[in-house]
Amino acid sequence: MNAQVVLKDFTFRWNQEKICVRVGSRGGLRSASPSLRELLHQAEGTMPVLLRPRAAYTIIDRDETNGHPVFDEAVKVALGVVTIGPALETEVQRAFREGDMLQGLVLDAFGSEAVVQTFRQVEGRIVDEALGLGLWPSKRFSPGYKGWPLEEQRFLFSRVDAAAIGVDLNDSCMMIPRKSNSFRINFYAERSLSTRRLAS
């Protein structure tokens, strides 16, 4: 296995408007009830305790893949896993169990946004690596999308030591903790290839 990079330092910027939309408040923060506004404030304050963002990725040559068509024409491929850890998920389950549905939804929305922000920071680093090699990065894709079956998780996890950041794969190819995600970014020799949607 190629050298693996593990990242632990991430920063988050919370946009409560976006969190409101994730919760289902159609009017956003402007139409949020006082109780929702208070929950948003409280939840944001707990994020430093509940989030444990981690990422692990490796960059392999095309001939080290399993030959799936999604890797066609790539020179190299970055494979990785990101997570925010189990603590927030545990708190969400507690809230739901105790009947506090709104608190659970708010916490879950913060968690989903945290995964997105973690993803973007990792992707930015990988894009810089690709360009540093004189190669062109594709968009980021996860198993289960764009012609890459969910079962391909098994291959991805065979190349990335996700256990190093506390992520496991179950028999259904779902990740534990739930607020985790995996991805690939193909590196191409030609810029035109990096814009392909289905084969990138």
Protein backbone atom coordinates (compact mmCIF):
# COMPACT_ATOMS: atom_id res chain seq x y z
CA MET A 1 0.00 0.00 0.00
CA ASN A 2 1.23 3.49 -0.87
CA ALA A 3 1.99 5.96 1.88
CA GLN A 4 -1.20 7.13 3.51
CA VAL A 5 -1.90 10.68 4.58
CA VAL A 6 -3.93 11.23 7.74
CA LEU A 7 -5.36 14.68 8.40
CA LYS A 8 -6.69 15.88 11.75
CA ASP A 9 -6.66 19.68 11.60
CA PHE A 10 -9.84 21.13 10.17
CA THR A 11 -11.67 24.41 10.61
CA PHE A 12 -15.41 25.01 10.40
CA ARG A 13 -17.40 28.09 9.56
CA TRP A 14 -21.05 27.80 10.47
CA ASN A 15 -23.75 29.42 8.40
CA GLN A 16 -26.92 29.14 10.45
CA GLU A 17 -28.98 30.00 7.37
CA LYS A 18 -27.76 26.82 5.70
CA ILE A 19 -28.35 24.82 8.86
CA CYS A 20 -31.96 26.09 8.97
CA VAL A 21 -32.49 24.91 5.41
CA ARG A 22 -31.09 21.48 6.28
CA VAL A 23 -33.48 21.29 9.25
CA GLY A 24 -36.39 22.10 6.95
CA SER A 25 -37.10 25.73 7.77
CA ARG A 26 -38.22 26.94 4.35
CA GLY A 27 -37.94 30.58 5.25
CA GLY A 28 -34.47 30.09 6.63
CA LEU A 29 -33.21 31.86 9.72
CA ARG A 30 -35.53 34.81 9.15
CA SER A 31 -38.63 32.70 9.82
CA ALA A 32 -37.07 30.44 12.46
CA SER A 33 -38.90 30.24 15.78
CA PRO A 34 -37.20 31.50 18.95
CA SER A 35 -36.81 27.90 20.12
CA LEU A 36 -35.07 26.93 16.87
CA ARG A 37 -32.78 29.95 17.08
CA GLU A 38 -31.83 28.99 20.63
CA LEU A 39 -31.14 25.39 19.59
CA LEU A 40 -28.95 26.59 16.73
CA HIS A 41 -26.94 28.74 19.13
CA GLN A 42 -26.59 25.92 21.67
CA ALA A 43 -25.68 23.33 19.03
CA GLU A 44 -23.00 25.52 17.50
CA GLY A 45 -21.44 25.88 20.94
CA THR A 46 -21.22 22.11 21.37
CA MET A 47 -19.56 21.42 18.01
CA PRO A 48 -15.96 21.66 19.31
CA VAL A 49 -16.81 18.85 21.74
CA LEU A 50 -18.89 16.68 19.41
CA LEU A 51 -16.78 16.83 16.26
CA ARG A 52 -13.64 14.78 15.75
CA PRO A 53 -12.91 15.32 12.05
CA ARG A 54 -10.40 13.00 10.44
CA ALA A 55 -9.41 12.08 6.91
CA ALA A 56 -7.20 9.42 5.38
CA TYR A 57 -6.22 9.17 1.74
CA THR A 58 -3.67 7.58 -0.53
CA ILE A 59 -2.66 8.21 -4.13
CA ILE A 60 -2.09 5.15 -6.31
CA ASP A 61 -1.12 4.53 -9.93
CA ARG A 62 -3.82 3.50 -12.40
CA ASP A 63 -2.43 -0.06 -12.60
CA GLU A 64 -2.89 -0.44 -8.83
CA THR A 65 -6.66 -0.08 -9.14
CA ASN A 66 -9.06 -2.99 -9.63
CA GLY A 67 -9.56 -2.10 -13.29
CA HIS A 68 -13.08 -0.71 -12.91
CA PRO A 69 -14.05 1.47 -15.92
CA VAL A 70 -14.30 4.60 -13.73
CA PHE A 71 -10.50 4.56 -13.57
CA ASP A 72 -10.04 4.42 -17.37
CA GLU A 73 -7.54 6.95 -18.71
CA ALA A 74 -6.50 8.09 -15.26
CA VAL A 75 -2.77 8.32 -14.58
CA LYS A 76 -3.20 8.25 -10.81
CA VAL A 77 -6.12 8.01 -8.41
CA ALA A 78 -6.64 9.49 -4.96
CA LEU A 79 -8.78 7.29 -2.72
CA GLY A 80 -9.88 8.43 0.70
CA VAL A 81 -12.28 8.43 3.63
CA VAL A 82 -13.45 11.31 5.81
CA THR A 83 -15.37 11.27 9.09
CA ILE A 84 -16.46 13.53 11.91
CA GLY A 85 -16.35 10.68 14.43
CA PRO A 86 -19.12 9.01 16.47
CA ALA A 87 -19.82 11.54 19.24
CA LEU A 88 -22.28 13.74 17.35
CA GLU A 89 -24.17 10.71 16.06
CA THR A 90 -24.49 9.41 19.63
CA GLU A 91 -25.89 12.76 20.75
CA VAL A 92 -28.39 12.80 17.88
CA GLN A 93 -29.60 9.32 18.83
CA ARG A 94 -29.96 10.43 22.46
CA ALA A 95 -32.07 13.42 21.46
CA PHE A 96 -34.37 11.30 19.31
CA ARG A 97 -34.63 8.63 22.00
CA GLU A 98 -35.71 11.25 24.53
CA GLY A 99 -38.28 12.67 22.13
CA ASP A 100 -36.45 15.93 21.41
CA MET A 101 -36.84 15.67 17.64
CA LEU A 102 -35.93 19.28 16.87
CA GLN A 103 -32.67 19.11 18.79
CA GLY A 104 -31.82 15.86 17.03
CA LEU A 105 -32.53 17.39 13.63
CA VAL A 106 -30.44 20.47 14.40
CA LEU A 107 -27.47 18.43 15.59
CA ASP A 108 -27.75 16.13 12.58
CA ALA A 109 -27.80 19.15 10.26
CA PHE A 110 -24.62 20.51 11.84
CA GLY A 111 -23.04 17.08 11.40
CA SER A 112 -23.95 16.89 7.73
CA GLU A 113 -22.53 20.35 7.14
CA ALA A 114 -19.35 19.37 9.01
CA VAL A 115 -18.85 16.38 6.70
CA VAL A 116 -19.24 18.63 3.65
CA GLN A 117 -16.72 21.15 4.97
CA THR A 118 -14.25 18.40 5.89
CA PHE A 119 -14.62 16.94 2.40
CA ARG A 120 -13.92 20.28 0.76
CA GLN A 121 -10.76 20.88 2.76
CA VAL A 122 -9.40 17.43 1.90
CA GLU A 123 -10.37 17.85 -1.74
CA GLY A 124 -8.54 21.17 -1.91
CA ARG A 125 -5.35 19.55 -0.66
CA ILE A 126 -5.61 16.68 -3.16
CA VAL A 127 -6.29 19.05 -6.05
CA ASP A 128 -3.10 20.92 -5.15
CA GLU A 129 -1.17 17.63 -5.14
CA ALA A 130 -2.50 16.71 -8.56
CA LEU A 131 -1.58 20.07 -10.05
CA GLY A 132 1.83 19.83 -8.40
CA LEU A 133 2.38 16.61 -10.34
CA GLY A 134 1.38 18.29 -13.58
CA LEU A 135 -1.88 16.34 -13.69
CA TRP A 136 -5.53 17.41 -13.84
CA PRO A 137 -7.92 16.29 -11.07
CA SER A 138 -11.45 15.12 -11.73
CA LYS A 139 -14.41 15.98 -9.59
CA ARG A 140 -14.80 14.03 -6.36
CA PHE A 141 -17.01 10.92 -6.58
CA SER A 142 -18.17 8.41 -3.96
CA PRO A 143 -19.11 4.74 -4.39
CA GLY A 144 -22.77 4.47 -5.31
CA TYR A 145 -22.68 7.41 -7.75
CA LYS A 146 -21.86 7.98 -11.42
CA GLY A 147 -21.44 4.35 -12.45
CA TRP A 148 -19.34 3.37 -9.44
CA PRO A 149 -21.37 0.78 -7.45
CA LEU A 150 -21.60 0.93 -3.68
CA GLU A 151 -19.89 -2.47 -3.53
CA GLU A 152 -16.71 -0.76 -4.73
CA GLN A 153 -16.37 0.39 -1.11
CA ARG A 154 -14.63 -2.93 -0.49
CA PHE A 155 -11.91 -2.11 -3.01
CA LEU A 156 -11.54 1.42 -1.66
CA PHE A 157 -11.21 0.15 1.90
CA SER A 158 -8.59 -2.36 0.74
CA ARG A 159 -6.42 0.59 -0.33
CA VAL A 160 -7.21 3.04 2.47
CA ASP A 161 -6.64 2.14 6.11
CA ALA A 162 -9.86 3.74 7.31
CA ALA A 163 -9.48 2.08 10.71
CA ALA A 164 -6.66 4.55 11.32
CA ILE A 165 -9.30 7.28 11.60
CA GLY A 166 -11.90 5.11 13.34
CA VAL A 167 -14.07 4.15 10.34
CA ASP A 168 -15.29 0.61 9.64
CA LEU A 169 -17.22 -0.92 6.74
CA ASN A 170 -20.12 -3.26 7.47
CA ASP A 171 -21.39 -6.18 5.38
CA SER A 172 -23.77 -3.86 3.52
CA CYS A 173 -20.86 -1.60 2.49
CA MET A 174 -22.10 1.17 4.77
CA MET A 175 -19.61 3.10 6.87
CA ILE A 176 -19.58 3.35 10.64
CA PRO A 177 -19.76 6.04 12.05
CA ARG A 178 -22.63 7.12 9.80
CA LYS A 179 -21.27 10.64 9.35
CA SER A 180 -18.43 9.37 7.20
CA ASN A 181 -17.87 9.32 3.48
CA SER A 182 -15.44 7.87 0.97
CA PHE A 183 -14.27 9.16 -2.39
CA ARG A 184 -12.05 8.98 -5.41
CA ILE A 185 -10.43 11.73 -7.45
CA ASN A 186 -8.85 10.69 -10.74
CA PHE A 187 -5.71 12.45 -11.95
CA TYR A 188 -5.49 12.85 -15.75
CA ALA A 189 -2.68 13.80 -18.10
CA GLU A 190 -5.04 16.01 -20.12
CA ARG A 191 -7.22 18.76 -18.77
CA SER A 192 -10.12 17.86 -21.09
CA LEU A 193 -10.44 14.43 -19.49
CA SER A 194 -10.85 15.93 -16.00
CA THR A 195 -14.21 17.42 -16.98
CA ARG A 196 -15.82 14.12 -17.91
CA ARG A 197 -18.80 13.35 -15.70
CA LEU A 198 -19.32 9.60 -16.03
CA ALA A 199 -15.79 8.33 -16.62
CA SER A 200 -13.90 10.81 -14.41
